[in-house]
N, C-alpha and C. Protein backbone atom coordinates (compact mmCIF):
# COMPACT_ATOMS: atom_id res chain seq x y z
N UNK A 1 -32.65 -38.91 -5.04
CA UNK A 1 -31.39 -38.53 -5.65
C UNK A 1 -31.50 -37.12 -6.24
N UNK A 2 -32.65 -36.83 -6.89
CA UNK A 2 -32.83 -35.50 -7.46
C UNK A 2 -32.78 -34.43 -6.37
N UNK A 3 -33.38 -34.70 -5.25
CA UNK A 3 -33.41 -33.74 -4.15
C UNK A 3 -31.99 -33.49 -3.64
N UNK A 4 -31.18 -34.54 -3.54
CA UNK A 4 -29.80 -34.42 -3.10
C UNK A 4 -29.00 -33.53 -4.05
N UNK A 5 -29.13 -33.76 -5.34
CA UNK A 5 -28.41 -32.98 -6.35
C UNK A 5 -28.86 -31.51 -6.31
N UNK A 6 -30.14 -31.27 -6.20
CA UNK A 6 -30.67 -29.90 -6.15
C UNK A 6 -30.15 -29.20 -4.89
N UNK A 7 -30.16 -29.90 -3.76
CA UNK A 7 -29.68 -29.32 -2.51
C UNK A 7 -28.19 -29.00 -2.61
N UNK A 8 -27.43 -29.88 -3.22
CA UNK A 8 -25.99 -29.67 -3.39
C UNK A 8 -25.72 -28.45 -4.27
N UNK A 9 -26.44 -28.33 -5.38
CA UNK A 9 -26.27 -27.19 -6.28
C UNK A 9 -26.64 -25.88 -5.57
N UNK A 10 -27.71 -25.91 -4.79
CA UNK A 10 -28.13 -24.70 -4.07
C UNK A 10 -27.10 -24.30 -3.03
N UNK A 11 -26.53 -25.28 -2.33
CA UNK A 11 -25.51 -24.98 -1.32
C UNK A 11 -24.26 -24.39 -1.96
N UNK A 12 -23.85 -24.92 -3.10
CA UNK A 12 -22.70 -24.38 -3.80
C UNK A 12 -22.97 -22.95 -4.28
N UNK A 13 -24.16 -22.72 -4.78
CA UNK A 13 -24.53 -21.38 -5.25
C UNK A 13 -24.53 -20.36 -4.12
N UNK A 14 -25.08 -20.74 -2.99
CA UNK A 14 -25.10 -19.85 -1.83
C UNK A 14 -23.68 -19.59 -1.33
N UNK A 15 -22.88 -20.61 -1.29
CA UNK A 15 -21.48 -20.46 -0.86
C UNK A 15 -20.70 -19.52 -1.76
N UNK A 16 -20.90 -19.62 -3.05
CA UNK A 16 -20.22 -18.73 -3.99
C UNK A 16 -20.70 -17.29 -3.84
N UNK A 17 -21.97 -17.11 -3.60
CA UNK A 17 -22.53 -15.77 -3.43
C UNK A 17 -21.96 -15.10 -2.18
N UNK A 18 -21.83 -15.86 -1.11
CA UNK A 18 -21.28 -15.32 0.13
C UNK A 18 -19.81 -14.97 -0.05
N UNK A 19 -19.06 -15.83 -0.71
CA UNK A 19 -17.64 -15.60 -0.94
C UNK A 19 -17.42 -14.38 -1.84
N UNK A 20 -18.27 -14.17 -2.81
CA UNK A 20 -18.13 -13.04 -3.72
C UNK A 20 -18.38 -11.71 -3.01
N UNK A 21 -19.12 -11.71 -1.92
CA UNK A 21 -19.44 -10.49 -1.21
C UNK A 21 -18.32 -10.04 -0.28
N UNK A 22 -17.40 -10.90 0.06
CA UNK A 22 -16.31 -10.54 0.96
C UNK A 22 -15.27 -9.73 0.18
N UNK A 23 -15.00 -8.50 0.61
CA UNK A 23 -14.00 -7.71 -0.09
C UNK A 23 -12.59 -8.24 0.20
N UNK A 24 -11.79 -8.31 -0.83
CA UNK A 24 -10.42 -8.75 -0.67
C UNK A 24 -9.54 -7.52 -0.44
N UNK A 25 -8.68 -7.62 0.54
CA UNK A 25 -7.76 -6.53 0.82
C UNK A 25 -6.47 -6.79 0.04
N UNK A 26 -6.36 -6.16 -1.10
CA UNK A 26 -5.17 -6.35 -1.93
C UNK A 26 -4.24 -5.15 -1.83
N UNK A 27 -4.35 -4.40 -0.73
CA UNK A 27 -3.52 -3.23 -0.55
C UNK A 27 -2.75 -3.35 0.76
N UNK A 28 -1.57 -2.78 0.78
CA UNK A 28 -0.76 -2.73 1.99
C UNK A 28 -0.33 -1.30 2.23
N UNK A 29 0.09 -1.02 3.45
CA UNK A 29 0.51 0.33 3.81
C UNK A 29 1.90 0.28 4.41
N UNK A 30 2.71 1.27 4.05
CA UNK A 30 4.05 1.41 4.62
C UNK A 30 4.23 2.88 5.01
N UNK A 31 4.98 3.10 6.08
CA UNK A 31 5.28 4.46 6.52
C UNK A 31 6.79 4.64 6.47
N UNK A 32 7.22 5.72 5.82
CA UNK A 32 8.63 6.05 5.72
C UNK A 32 8.94 7.29 6.55
N UNK A 33 10.12 7.31 7.15
CA UNK A 33 10.67 8.53 7.74
C UNK A 33 11.52 9.17 6.65
N UNK A 34 11.24 10.43 6.33
CA UNK A 34 11.89 11.10 5.20
C UNK A 34 12.53 12.39 5.68
N UNK A 35 13.69 12.71 5.14
CA UNK A 35 14.44 13.90 5.54
C UNK A 35 13.95 15.17 4.87
N UNK A 36 12.64 15.38 4.83
CA UNK A 36 12.10 16.60 4.23
C UNK A 36 12.12 17.72 5.26
N UNK A 37 12.26 18.97 4.77
CA UNK A 37 12.41 20.09 5.68
C UNK A 37 11.41 21.22 5.48
N UNK A 38 10.70 21.23 4.35
CA UNK A 38 9.82 22.37 4.07
C UNK A 38 8.60 21.94 3.26
N UNK A 39 7.70 22.88 3.02
CA UNK A 39 6.50 22.59 2.26
C UNK A 39 6.82 22.22 0.81
N UNK A 40 7.88 22.78 0.27
CA UNK A 40 8.27 22.41 -1.10
C UNK A 40 8.68 20.94 -1.17
N UNK A 41 9.34 20.47 -0.14
CA UNK A 41 9.70 19.04 -0.07
C UNK A 41 8.43 18.19 -0.06
N UNK A 42 7.48 18.61 0.77
CA UNK A 42 6.21 17.88 0.89
C UNK A 42 5.50 17.82 -0.45
N UNK A 43 5.40 18.95 -1.13
CA UNK A 43 4.71 19.00 -2.43
C UNK A 43 5.44 18.17 -3.47
N UNK A 44 6.76 18.20 -3.44
CA UNK A 44 7.55 17.43 -4.40
C UNK A 44 7.32 15.93 -4.23
N UNK A 45 7.29 15.49 -2.99
CA UNK A 45 7.04 14.07 -2.72
C UNK A 45 5.63 13.69 -3.13
N UNK A 46 4.65 14.51 -2.75
CA UNK A 46 3.26 14.24 -3.11
C UNK A 46 3.08 14.16 -4.62
N UNK A 47 3.69 15.10 -5.32
CA UNK A 47 3.55 15.17 -6.78
C UNK A 47 4.15 13.95 -7.48
N UNK A 48 5.30 13.51 -7.02
CA UNK A 48 6.02 12.45 -7.72
C UNK A 48 5.65 11.04 -7.27
N UNK A 49 5.49 10.82 -5.99
CA UNK A 49 5.25 9.46 -5.50
C UNK A 49 3.81 9.02 -5.74
N UNK A 50 2.88 9.96 -5.75
CA UNK A 50 1.48 9.61 -5.98
C UNK A 50 1.27 8.93 -7.33
N UNK A 51 2.15 9.18 -8.27
CA UNK A 51 2.00 8.61 -9.61
C UNK A 51 2.88 7.39 -9.85
N UNK A 52 3.54 6.91 -8.81
CA UNK A 52 4.30 5.67 -8.94
C UNK A 52 3.33 4.52 -9.17
N UNK A 53 3.75 3.56 -9.96
CA UNK A 53 2.90 2.40 -10.27
C UNK A 53 2.52 1.67 -8.98
N UNK A 54 1.24 1.40 -8.81
CA UNK A 54 0.75 0.64 -7.67
C UNK A 54 0.32 1.47 -6.47
N UNK A 55 0.65 2.77 -6.45
CA UNK A 55 0.27 3.62 -5.32
C UNK A 55 -1.21 3.98 -5.43
N UNK A 56 -1.98 3.71 -4.37
CA UNK A 56 -3.40 4.00 -4.39
C UNK A 56 -3.77 5.18 -3.50
N UNK A 57 -2.93 5.48 -2.49
CA UNK A 57 -3.19 6.61 -1.61
C UNK A 57 -1.91 6.93 -0.87
N UNK A 58 -1.79 8.20 -0.45
CA UNK A 58 -0.62 8.57 0.34
C UNK A 58 -0.92 9.80 1.18
N UNK A 59 -0.20 9.89 2.30
CA UNK A 59 -0.31 11.04 3.19
C UNK A 59 1.10 11.46 3.56
N UNK A 60 1.40 12.73 3.32
CA UNK A 60 2.71 13.27 3.66
C UNK A 60 2.53 14.19 4.86
N UNK A 61 3.21 13.88 5.95
CA UNK A 61 3.11 14.66 7.18
C UNK A 61 4.44 15.37 7.41
N UNK A 62 4.47 16.66 7.09
CA UNK A 62 5.70 17.44 7.22
C UNK A 62 6.13 17.58 8.67
N UNK A 63 5.18 17.79 9.58
CA UNK A 63 5.50 17.99 10.99
C UNK A 63 6.23 16.77 11.59
N UNK A 64 5.79 15.58 11.23
CA UNK A 64 6.43 14.35 11.73
C UNK A 64 7.46 13.79 10.77
N UNK A 65 7.58 14.40 9.60
CA UNK A 65 8.52 13.97 8.56
C UNK A 65 8.28 12.52 8.16
N UNK A 66 7.00 12.18 7.94
CA UNK A 66 6.65 10.82 7.52
C UNK A 66 5.84 10.86 6.23
N UNK A 67 5.97 9.77 5.49
CA UNK A 67 5.18 9.57 4.27
C UNK A 67 4.52 8.20 4.41
N UNK A 68 3.19 8.19 4.43
CA UNK A 68 2.43 6.94 4.50
C UNK A 68 1.91 6.64 3.11
N UNK A 69 2.24 5.47 2.60
CA UNK A 69 1.86 5.09 1.24
C UNK A 69 1.03 3.82 1.29
N UNK A 70 -0.14 3.86 0.67
CA UNK A 70 -0.96 2.67 0.47
C UNK A 70 -0.71 2.21 -0.96
N UNK A 71 -0.40 0.94 -1.13
CA UNK A 71 -0.02 0.44 -2.45
C UNK A 71 -0.51 -0.98 -2.67
N UNK A 72 -0.46 -1.38 -3.94
CA UNK A 72 -0.82 -2.75 -4.31
C UNK A 72 0.48 -3.55 -4.44
N UNK A 73 0.68 -4.55 -3.58
CA UNK A 73 1.92 -5.33 -3.64
C UNK A 73 2.09 -6.12 -4.93
N UNK A 74 1.01 -6.31 -5.67
CA UNK A 74 1.11 -7.01 -6.95
C UNK A 74 1.75 -6.11 -8.02
N UNK A 75 1.82 -4.80 -7.75
CA UNK A 75 2.35 -3.87 -8.75
C UNK A 75 3.66 -3.20 -8.35
N UNK A 76 3.97 -3.17 -7.05
CA UNK A 76 5.21 -2.52 -6.61
C UNK A 76 5.65 -3.13 -5.28
N UNK A 77 6.80 -2.70 -4.80
CA UNK A 77 7.33 -3.19 -3.53
C UNK A 77 7.73 -2.01 -2.66
N UNK A 78 7.94 -2.28 -1.39
CA UNK A 78 8.40 -1.25 -0.46
C UNK A 78 9.75 -0.70 -0.92
N UNK A 79 10.61 -1.58 -1.40
CA UNK A 79 11.94 -1.16 -1.85
C UNK A 79 11.85 -0.20 -3.04
N UNK A 80 10.95 -0.47 -3.97
CA UNK A 80 10.79 0.41 -5.13
C UNK A 80 10.25 1.78 -4.71
N UNK A 81 9.31 1.79 -3.77
CA UNK A 81 8.77 3.05 -3.29
C UNK A 81 9.84 3.85 -2.55
N UNK A 82 10.63 3.15 -1.75
CA UNK A 82 11.71 3.80 -1.02
C UNK A 82 12.74 4.37 -1.99
N UNK A 83 13.08 3.63 -3.01
CA UNK A 83 14.04 4.09 -4.02
C UNK A 83 13.51 5.31 -4.78
N UNK A 84 12.21 5.37 -5.01
CA UNK A 84 11.62 6.51 -5.71
C UNK A 84 11.77 7.79 -4.88
N UNK A 85 11.64 7.67 -3.56
CA UNK A 85 11.81 8.85 -2.70
C UNK A 85 13.28 9.23 -2.63
N UNK A 86 14.17 8.24 -2.54
CA UNK A 86 15.61 8.51 -2.53
C UNK A 86 16.02 9.22 -3.82
N UNK A 87 15.45 8.81 -4.93
CA UNK A 87 15.74 9.41 -6.23
C UNK A 87 15.42 10.91 -6.25
N UNK A 88 14.46 11.33 -5.42
CA UNK A 88 14.10 12.74 -5.33
C UNK A 88 15.11 13.53 -4.49
N UNK A 89 16.03 12.81 -3.83
CA UNK A 89 17.10 13.48 -3.08
C UNK A 89 16.93 13.47 -1.57
N UNK A 90 16.11 12.57 -1.05
CA UNK A 90 15.87 12.53 0.39
C UNK A 90 16.42 11.25 0.99
N UNK A 91 16.78 11.34 2.28
CA UNK A 91 17.13 10.13 3.02
C UNK A 91 15.84 9.50 3.49
N UNK A 92 15.74 8.18 3.37
CA UNK A 92 14.50 7.48 3.68
C UNK A 92 14.79 6.20 4.44
N UNK A 93 13.98 5.96 5.47
CA UNK A 93 14.02 4.65 6.15
C UNK A 93 12.59 4.28 6.52
N UNK A 94 12.35 3.01 6.67
CA UNK A 94 11.02 2.54 7.04
C UNK A 94 10.77 2.93 8.49
N UNK A 95 9.64 3.53 8.75
CA UNK A 95 9.28 4.02 10.07
C UNK A 95 9.28 2.89 11.09
N UNK A 96 9.96 3.10 12.20
CA UNK A 96 9.96 2.11 13.27
C UNK A 96 11.05 1.06 13.13
N UNK A 97 11.72 1.01 12.00
CA UNK A 97 12.82 0.04 11.82
C UNK A 97 14.13 0.73 12.12
N UNK A 98 14.94 0.10 12.92
CA UNK A 98 16.26 0.62 13.22
C UNK A 98 17.21 0.23 12.09
N UNK A 99 18.01 1.17 11.67
CA UNK A 99 18.99 0.88 10.62
C UNK A 99 20.18 0.17 11.24
N UNK A 100 20.68 -0.86 10.58
CA UNK A 100 21.84 -1.60 11.06
C UNK A 100 23.10 -0.79 10.76
N UNK A 101 23.94 -0.61 11.76
CA UNK A 101 25.21 0.08 11.55
C UNK A 101 26.32 -0.91 11.79
N UNK A 102 27.17 -1.06 10.80
CA UNK A 102 28.26 -2.04 10.90
C UNK A 102 29.58 -1.36 10.79
């Protein structure tokens, strides 16, 4: 019985150690198409959106007019990030999504 209990405890300990080593991906990425036209637009977006709550990384591509944002979904949403860019005065849509016209 003692051997069974010791083996059980060791298996649980090993299982917990293995589980603790697996990194959890708590970040998501979204790409926006933004109506920016110049380097000042790019800098303005970089300066303001990088400090939005939950944003962990971002890349602004002026040539393709896209903004890629890596964020923590526990702290913000795609809609909030999109609204923050709209607040700066730009038209924004999620990259690859067609806008519904009614």
